[in-house]
Amino acid sequence: MSARALLDDTRRQLVGVPKEGLGEEKHSRFRGDRIVRVGEAWHVGVLLLTDDAALATAEVLRAADAGRRGYTAESARQRAVRREWALRGGFGAGEVVHVGWSAIDVDAVDAGAASGPLAWVGGIPQVKWSGAGGYMPLEAYLRERIALLT
């Protein structure tokens, strides 16, 4: 089965499951830095599935007020600032926001190439589910993730 067919089947099975927000950074001298909503997708492990596209995940945030906190690390402070950008950009407090995602060329994968975490390996579409992990069959990966979501 092709990667496209597997992803289309996954979309059909996820109908009714809540989607999460897709955000994009916007920088404005007048409105300030913010993360604005550009869509929504099902979060399926290392994949984000919109109604018509597949994306590779990157940064995941929860929109929140940065508040006044002491941070032991600069990275924690930066993350709090980015959560506040999502709130400022229109996401609701506590809402999950995906930022920095990238498009996956599913047609290229079905033609034998690799795109994002997907690749055609050993005659079947496969997914690299972690940076250090190897590839596993996409069909089994999706079956497991759908079970967790539904």
N, C-alpha and C. Protein backbone atom coordinates (compact mmCIF):
# COMPACT_ATOMS: atom_id res chain seq x y z
N MET A 1 0.85 -1.18 0.00
CA MET A 1 0.00 0.00 0.00
C MET A 1 0.90 1.25 0.00
N SER A 2 0.49 2.28 -0.70
CA SER A 2 1.28 3.50 -0.80
C SER A 2 1.18 4.33 0.47
N ALA A 3 2.14 5.22 0.65
CA ALA A 3 2.12 6.13 1.80
C ALA A 3 0.87 7.01 1.73
N ARG A 4 0.54 7.48 0.54
CA ARG A 4 -0.65 8.33 0.39
C ARG A 4 -1.91 7.60 0.82
N ALA A 5 -2.06 6.35 0.40
CA ALA A 5 -3.25 5.57 0.76
C ALA A 5 -3.31 5.35 2.27
N LEU A 6 -2.17 5.07 2.88
CA LEU A 6 -2.13 4.87 4.34
C LEU A 6 -2.51 6.14 5.08
N LEU A 7 -2.01 7.28 4.61
CA LEU A 7 -2.32 8.55 5.27
C LEU A 7 -3.78 8.94 5.07
N ASP A 8 -4.32 8.69 3.86
CA ASP A 8 -5.73 8.97 3.61
C ASP A 8 -6.63 8.10 4.49
N ASP A 9 -6.26 6.83 4.64
CA ASP A 9 -7.02 5.93 5.51
C ASP A 9 -6.97 6.41 6.96
N THR A 10 -5.82 6.89 7.38
CA THR A 10 -5.66 7.41 8.74
C THR A 10 -6.58 8.61 8.95
N ARG A 11 -6.64 9.51 7.98
CA ARG A 11 -7.53 10.67 8.09
C ARG A 11 -8.99 10.24 8.27
N ARG A 12 -9.40 9.24 7.52
CA ARG A 12 -10.78 8.75 7.64
C ARG A 12 -11.04 8.20 9.04
N GLN A 13 -10.07 7.51 9.60
CA GLN A 13 -10.24 6.94 10.93
C GLN A 13 -10.21 7.99 12.05
N LEU A 14 -9.60 9.14 11.77
CA LEU A 14 -9.47 10.17 12.79
C LEU A 14 -10.60 11.20 12.77
N VAL A 15 -11.55 11.05 11.85
CA VAL A 15 -12.68 11.98 11.82
C VAL A 15 -13.34 11.97 13.20
N GLY A 16 -13.54 13.14 13.75
CA GLY A 16 -14.14 13.26 15.07
C GLY A 16 -13.13 13.41 16.19
N VAL A 17 -11.86 13.07 15.92
CA VAL A 17 -10.80 13.25 16.91
C VAL A 17 -10.35 14.71 16.83
N PRO A 18 -10.20 15.39 17.97
CA PRO A 18 -9.81 16.80 17.94
C PRO A 18 -8.46 17.03 17.27
N LYS A 19 -8.37 18.15 16.57
CA LYS A 19 -7.12 18.55 15.93
C LYS A 19 -6.41 19.56 16.83
N GLU A 20 -5.14 19.79 16.55
CA GLU A 20 -4.34 20.76 17.29
C GLU A 20 -3.94 21.88 16.34
N GLY A 21 -3.62 23.05 16.89
CA GLY A 21 -3.33 24.22 16.10
C GLY A 21 -1.96 24.19 15.44
N LEU A 22 -1.91 24.72 14.22
CA LEU A 22 -0.65 24.95 13.52
C LEU A 22 -0.37 26.44 13.58
N GLY A 23 0.81 26.81 14.04
CA GLY A 23 1.14 28.21 14.18
C GLY A 23 2.35 28.60 13.37
N GLU A 24 2.44 29.89 13.10
CA GLU A 24 3.57 30.45 12.37
C GLU A 24 3.98 31.74 13.06
N GLU A 25 5.27 31.94 13.20
CA GLU A 25 5.78 33.16 13.84
C GLU A 25 5.55 34.36 12.94
N LYS A 26 5.12 35.46 13.55
CA LYS A 26 4.98 36.74 12.86
C LYS A 26 5.69 37.78 13.70
N HIS A 27 6.44 38.62 13.04
CA HIS A 27 7.16 39.68 13.74
C HIS A 27 6.71 41.01 13.15
N SER A 28 6.28 41.90 14.02
CA SER A 28 5.78 43.18 13.58
C SER A 28 6.26 44.27 14.53
N ARG A 29 6.66 45.36 13.95
CA ARG A 29 7.09 46.49 14.76
C ARG A 29 5.92 47.06 15.55
N PHE A 30 4.72 46.94 15.00
CA PHE A 30 3.55 47.53 15.63
C PHE A 30 2.79 46.56 16.52
N ARG A 31 2.69 45.30 16.12
CA ARG A 31 1.92 44.33 16.89
C ARG A 31 2.79 43.43 17.75
N GLY A 32 4.09 43.52 17.60
CA GLY A 32 5.00 42.72 18.40
C GLY A 32 5.15 41.31 17.84
N ASP A 33 5.96 40.52 18.50
CA ASP A 33 6.18 39.13 18.10
C ASP A 33 5.00 38.29 18.56
N ARG A 34 4.58 37.37 17.69
CA ARG A 34 3.45 36.51 18.04
C ARG A 34 3.49 35.26 17.16
N ILE A 35 2.73 34.27 17.58
CA ILE A 35 2.55 33.05 16.79
C ILE A 35 1.08 33.00 16.42
N VAL A 36 0.78 33.05 15.14
CA VAL A 36 -0.61 33.10 14.67
C VAL A 36 -1.04 31.75 14.11
N ARG A 37 -2.33 31.52 14.19
CA ARG A 37 -2.90 30.27 13.67
C ARG A 37 -2.92 30.29 12.15
N VAL A 38 -2.42 29.20 11.56
CA VAL A 38 -2.45 29.06 10.10
C VAL A 38 -3.18 27.78 9.68
N GLY A 39 -3.68 27.04 10.64
CA GLY A 39 -4.40 25.82 10.31
C GLY A 39 -4.51 24.92 11.52
N GLU A 40 -4.90 23.68 11.24
CA GLU A 40 -5.01 22.68 12.30
C GLU A 40 -4.70 21.32 11.71
N ALA A 41 -4.29 20.41 12.59
CA ALA A 41 -3.90 19.07 12.12
C ALA A 41 -4.05 18.07 13.25
N TRP A 42 -4.17 16.81 12.85
CA TRP A 42 -4.11 15.73 13.83
C TRP A 42 -2.64 15.48 14.14
N HIS A 43 -2.30 15.36 15.40
CA HIS A 43 -0.92 15.07 15.81
C HIS A 43 -0.80 13.56 15.94
N VAL A 44 -0.09 12.96 15.00
CA VAL A 44 0.05 11.50 14.92
C VAL A 44 1.53 11.17 15.06
N GLY A 45 2.03 11.24 16.29
CA GLY A 45 3.45 10.96 16.54
C GLY A 45 4.35 12.00 15.91
N VAL A 46 5.21 11.58 14.99
CA VAL A 46 6.13 12.51 14.33
C VAL A 46 5.48 13.19 13.12
N LEU A 47 4.20 12.89 12.90
CA LEU A 47 3.47 13.45 11.76
C LEU A 47 2.35 14.36 12.22
N LEU A 48 2.07 15.35 11.40
CA LEU A 48 0.89 16.19 11.55
C LEU A 48 0.09 16.01 10.27
N LEU A 49 -1.16 15.59 10.39
CA LEU A 49 -1.98 15.38 9.20
C LEU A 49 -3.07 16.43 9.13
N THR A 50 -3.04 17.23 8.06
CA THR A 50 -4.13 18.15 7.80
C THR A 50 -5.11 17.41 6.89
N ASP A 51 -6.17 18.09 6.46
CA ASP A 51 -7.13 17.43 5.58
C ASP A 51 -6.53 17.04 4.24
N ASP A 52 -5.45 17.72 3.83
CA ASP A 52 -4.89 17.43 2.51
C ASP A 52 -3.36 17.40 2.46
N ALA A 53 -2.69 17.42 3.60
CA ALA A 53 -1.22 17.43 3.59
C ALA A 53 -0.68 16.65 4.78
N ALA A 54 0.58 16.28 4.65
CA ALA A 54 1.31 15.64 5.75
C ALA A 54 2.49 16.54 6.09
N LEU A 55 2.70 16.76 7.38
CA LEU A 55 3.75 17.63 7.86
C LEU A 55 4.60 16.89 8.88
N ALA A 56 5.86 17.29 8.98
CA ALA A 56 6.74 16.73 10.01
C ALA A 56 6.68 17.65 11.22
N THR A 57 6.56 17.07 12.40
CA THR A 57 6.48 17.87 13.62
C THR A 57 7.81 18.54 13.92
N ALA A 58 7.74 19.56 14.73
CA ALA A 58 8.95 20.25 15.21
C ALA A 58 8.69 20.66 16.65
N GLU A 59 8.51 21.94 16.90
CA GLU A 59 8.30 22.44 18.26
C GLU A 59 6.82 22.37 18.63
N VAL A 60 6.54 21.91 19.85
CA VAL A 60 5.18 21.84 20.35
C VAL A 60 5.11 22.70 21.61
N LEU A 61 4.15 23.63 21.63
CA LEU A 61 3.97 24.54 22.77
C LEU A 61 2.55 24.47 23.28
N ARG A 62 2.34 24.95 24.49
CA ARG A 62 1.01 25.23 25.00
C ARG A 62 0.94 26.73 25.22
N ALA A 63 -0.04 27.38 24.63
CA ALA A 63 -0.19 28.82 24.78
C ALA A 63 -0.40 29.14 26.26
N ALA A 64 0.36 30.11 26.77
CA ALA A 64 0.26 30.46 28.19
C ALA A 64 0.90 31.81 28.44
N ASP A 65 0.46 32.43 29.52
CA ASP A 65 1.06 33.67 29.98
C ASP A 65 2.43 33.34 30.56
N ALA A 66 3.45 34.09 30.17
CA ALA A 66 4.80 33.84 30.67
C ALA A 66 4.91 34.11 32.16
N GLY A 67 4.08 35.02 32.67
CA GLY A 67 4.10 35.30 34.10
C GLY A 67 5.44 35.84 34.56
N ARG A 68 5.59 35.93 35.85
CA ARG A 68 6.86 36.39 36.43
C ARG A 68 7.45 35.21 37.17
N ARG A 69 8.42 34.60 36.56
CA ARG A 69 9.05 33.42 37.16
C ARG A 69 10.56 33.56 37.09
N GLY A 70 11.21 32.86 37.98
CA GLY A 70 12.66 32.77 37.90
C GLY A 70 13.01 31.55 37.07
N TYR A 71 13.97 31.66 36.19
CA TYR A 71 14.36 30.55 35.33
C TYR A 71 15.79 30.15 35.63
N THR A 72 16.01 28.86 35.73
CA THR A 72 17.37 28.38 35.96
C THR A 72 18.14 28.30 34.65
N ALA A 73 17.42 28.33 33.54
CA ALA A 73 18.09 28.24 32.24
C ALA A 73 17.48 29.25 31.28
N GLU A 74 18.30 29.81 30.44
CA GLU A 74 17.84 30.76 29.43
C GLU A 74 16.85 30.08 28.48
N SER A 75 17.06 28.82 28.19
CA SER A 75 16.15 28.10 27.28
C SER A 75 14.74 28.02 27.85
N ALA A 76 14.61 27.88 29.16
CA ALA A 76 13.29 27.84 29.79
C ALA A 76 12.60 29.20 29.67
N ARG A 77 13.36 30.26 29.82
CA ARG A 77 12.80 31.60 29.68
C ARG A 77 12.34 31.83 28.25
N GLN A 78 13.14 31.42 27.27
CA GLN A 78 12.78 31.58 25.87
C GLN A 78 11.51 30.79 25.53
N ARG A 79 11.40 29.60 26.08
CA ARG A 79 10.20 28.78 25.83
C ARG A 79 8.96 29.46 26.40
N ALA A 80 9.08 30.06 27.60
CA ALA A 80 7.95 30.78 28.20
C ALA A 80 7.56 31.97 27.34
N VAL A 81 8.53 32.66 26.78
CA VAL A 81 8.26 33.79 25.89
C VAL A 81 7.49 33.31 24.66
N ARG A 82 7.90 32.18 24.09
CA ARG A 82 7.23 31.65 22.90
C ARG A 82 5.80 31.20 23.21
N ARG A 83 5.59 30.66 24.40
CA ARG A 83 4.22 30.29 24.80
C ARG A 83 3.35 31.54 24.86
N GLU A 84 3.93 32.64 25.36
CA GLU A 84 3.18 33.89 25.43
C GLU A 84 2.91 34.45 24.03
N TRP A 85 3.85 34.27 23.10
CA TRP A 85 3.63 34.70 21.72
C TRP A 85 2.39 34.01 21.14
N ALA A 86 2.22 32.73 21.46
CA ALA A 86 1.06 31.98 20.95
C ALA A 86 -0.23 32.57 21.54
N LEU A 87 -0.20 32.89 22.80
CA LEU A 87 -1.37 33.50 23.45
C LEU A 87 -1.67 34.85 22.79
N ARG A 88 -0.64 35.64 22.56
CA ARG A 88 -0.79 36.95 21.93
C ARG A 88 -1.29 36.82 20.49
N GLY A 89 -0.94 35.71 19.83
CA GLY A 89 -1.33 35.51 18.43
C GLY A 89 -2.74 34.97 18.26
N GLY A 90 -3.45 34.72 19.35
CA GLY A 90 -4.84 34.31 19.24
C GLY A 90 -5.17 32.90 19.69
N PHE A 91 -4.18 32.14 20.13
CA PHE A 91 -4.47 30.81 20.66
C PHE A 91 -5.01 30.95 22.08
N GLY A 92 -5.90 30.06 22.47
CA GLY A 92 -6.44 30.08 23.82
C GLY A 92 -5.45 29.55 24.83
N ALA A 93 -5.56 30.02 26.07
CA ALA A 93 -4.66 29.55 27.13
C ALA A 93 -4.76 28.03 27.25
N GLY A 94 -3.63 27.36 27.23
CA GLY A 94 -3.58 25.91 27.34
C GLY A 94 -3.70 25.17 26.02
N GLU A 95 -3.98 25.88 24.96
CA GLU A 95 -4.14 25.24 23.65
C GLU A 95 -2.78 24.81 23.10
N VAL A 96 -2.74 23.62 22.50
CA VAL A 96 -1.51 23.09 21.91
C VAL A 96 -1.27 23.75 20.56
N VAL A 97 -0.01 24.16 20.34
CA VAL A 97 0.39 24.85 19.12
C VAL A 97 1.63 24.17 18.55
N HIS A 98 1.61 23.85 17.27
CA HIS A 98 2.77 23.26 16.58
C HIS A 98 3.41 24.36 15.74
N VAL A 99 4.71 24.56 15.94
CA VAL A 99 5.44 25.61 15.24
C VAL A 99 6.69 24.99 14.59
N GLY A 100 7.08 25.51 13.46
CA GLY A 100 8.31 25.06 12.81
C GLY A 100 8.17 23.77 12.03
N TRP A 101 6.96 23.29 11.83
CA TRP A 101 6.69 22.08 11.07
C TRP A 101 7.12 22.27 9.63
N SER A 102 7.30 21.17 8.93
CA SER A 102 7.70 21.24 7.51
C SER A 102 6.87 20.25 6.70
N ALA A 103 6.62 20.61 5.45
CA ALA A 103 5.80 19.78 4.57
C ALA A 103 6.55 18.52 4.16
N ILE A 104 5.80 17.43 4.06
CA ILE A 104 6.34 16.15 3.59
C ILE A 104 5.82 15.93 2.17
N ASP A 105 6.70 15.58 1.26
CA ASP A 105 6.32 15.30 -0.13
C ASP A 105 5.96 13.82 -0.22
N VAL A 106 4.69 13.52 -0.03
CA VAL A 106 4.21 12.13 -0.01
C VAL A 106 4.38 11.47 -1.38
N ASP A 107 4.18 12.24 -2.45
CA ASP A 107 4.37 11.69 -3.80
C ASP A 107 5.81 11.25 -4.01
N ALA A 108 6.76 12.03 -3.49
CA ALA A 108 8.18 11.66 -3.61
C ALA A 108 8.46 10.37 -2.84
N VAL A 109 7.85 10.23 -1.69
CA VAL A 109 8.04 9.01 -0.89
C VAL A 109 7.50 7.81 -1.67
N ASP A 110 6.30 7.97 -2.24
CA ASP A 110 5.72 6.86 -3.02
C ASP A 110 6.54 6.55 -4.27
N ALA A 111 7.34 7.51 -4.72
CA ALA A 111 8.20 7.29 -5.90
C ALA A 111 9.55 6.69 -5.50
N GLY A 112 9.75 6.47 -4.19
CA GLY A 112 10.99 5.83 -3.75
C GLY A 112 11.97 6.72 -3.03
N ALA A 113 11.64 7.98 -2.86
CA ALA A 113 12.56 8.92 -2.19
C ALA A 113 12.19 9.02 -0.70
N ALA A 114 12.91 9.88 -0.01
CA ALA A 114 12.61 10.17 1.39
C ALA A 114 12.18 11.63 1.50
N SER A 115 11.30 11.90 2.43
CA SER A 115 10.87 13.27 2.70
C SER A 115 10.48 13.35 4.17
N GLY A 116 11.15 14.24 4.90
CA GLY A 116 10.89 14.33 6.34
C GLY A 116 11.18 12.99 6.99
N PRO A 117 10.28 12.54 7.86
CA PRO A 117 10.52 11.26 8.54
C PRO A 117 10.06 10.04 7.72
N LEU A 118 9.53 10.26 6.53
CA LEU A 118 9.03 9.15 5.70
C LEU A 118 10.03 8.78 4.62
N ALA A 119 10.09 7.48 4.31
CA ALA A 119 10.96 6.98 3.24
C ALA A 119 10.40 5.67 2.72
N TRP A 120 10.80 5.34 1.51
CA TRP A 120 10.43 4.06 0.91
C TRP A 120 11.62 3.13 1.12
N VAL A 121 11.48 2.15 2.01
CA VAL A 121 12.58 1.26 2.37
C VAL A 121 12.11 -0.19 2.24
N GLY A 122 12.86 -0.98 1.52
CA GLY A 122 12.51 -2.40 1.38
C GLY A 122 11.18 -2.64 0.71
N GLY A 123 10.77 -1.74 -0.17
CA GLY A 123 9.53 -1.94 -0.92
C GLY A 123 8.28 -1.49 -0.20
N ILE A 124 8.40 -0.86 0.97
CA ILE A 124 7.21 -0.38 1.69
C ILE A 124 7.50 1.00 2.30
N PRO A 125 6.44 1.81 2.48
CA PRO A 125 6.64 3.11 3.12
C PRO A 125 6.96 2.90 4.60
N GLN A 126 7.96 3.65 5.06
CA GLN A 126 8.38 3.52 6.45
C GLN A 126 8.53 4.90 7.07
N VAL A 127 8.57 4.92 8.40
CA VAL A 127 8.68 6.17 9.14
C VAL A 127 9.83 6.06 10.13
N LYS A 128 10.59 7.13 10.24
CA LYS A 128 11.65 7.20 11.24
C LYS A 128 11.02 7.92 12.43
N TRP A 129 10.71 7.18 13.47
CA TRP A 129 9.91 7.71 14.57
C TRP A 129 10.71 8.48 15.61
N SER A 130 12.04 8.48 15.51
CA SER A 130 12.86 9.32 16.39
C SER A 130 14.19 9.58 15.70
N GLY A 131 14.88 10.62 16.15
CA GLY A 131 16.16 10.96 15.56
C GLY A 131 17.19 9.85 15.69
N ALA A 132 17.15 9.13 16.79
CA ALA A 132 18.13 8.06 17.02
C ALA A 132 17.61 6.69 16.58
N GLY A 133 16.30 6.59 16.38
CA GLY A 133 15.70 5.31 16.02
C GLY A 133 15.82 5.00 14.55
N GLY A 134 15.50 3.78 14.22
CA GLY A 134 15.51 3.37 12.82
C GLY A 134 14.13 3.52 12.22
N TYR A 135 14.01 3.03 11.01
CA TYR A 135 12.71 3.06 10.32
C TYR A 135 11.85 1.89 10.76
N MET A 136 10.54 2.11 10.75
CA MET A 136 9.57 1.04 10.98
C MET A 136 8.47 1.20 9.95
N PRO A 137 7.75 0.13 9.63
CA PRO A 137 6.69 0.22 8.63
C PRO A 137 5.65 1.28 9.02
N LEU A 138 5.32 2.14 8.07
CA LEU A 138 4.36 3.22 8.31
C LEU A 138 3.00 2.68 8.72
N GLU A 139 2.58 1.58 8.11
CA GLU A 139 1.26 1.02 8.41
C GLU A 139 1.14 0.63 9.89
N ALA A 140 2.14 -0.04 10.42
CA ALA A 140 2.12 -0.45 11.83
C ALA A 140 2.20 0.77 12.74
N TYR A 141 3.01 1.74 12.38
CA TYR A 141 3.16 2.96 13.16
C TYR A 141 1.83 3.70 13.26
N LEU A 142 1.16 3.85 12.12
CA LEU A 142 -0.13 4.56 12.11
C LEU A 142 -1.19 3.80 12.89
N ARG A 143 -1.21 2.49 12.76
CA ARG A 143 -2.18 1.67 13.50
C ARG A 143 -2.03 1.89 15.00
N GLU A 144 -0.76 1.90 15.48
CA GLU A 144 -0.49 2.11 16.89
C GLU A 144 -0.89 3.51 17.34
N ARG A 145 -0.59 4.52 16.54
CA ARG A 145 -0.91 5.90 16.90
C ARG A 145 -2.41 6.16 16.88
N ILE A 146 -3.11 5.57 15.92
CA ILE A 146 -4.56 5.73 15.86
C ILE A 146 -5.20 5.13 17.11
N ALA A 147 -4.71 3.98 17.54
CA ALA A 147 -5.24 3.35 18.76
C ALA A 147 -5.05 4.26 19.98
N LEU A 148 -3.93 4.96 20.03
CA LEU A 148 -3.69 5.88 21.15
C LEU A 148 -4.60 7.11 21.11
N LEU A 149 -4.96 7.55 19.91
CA LEU A 149 -5.77 8.75 19.75
C LEU A 149 -7.26 8.51 19.87
N THR A 150 -7.71 7.28 19.62
CA THR A 150 -9.16 7.05 19.60
C THR A 150 -9.66 6.30 20.79
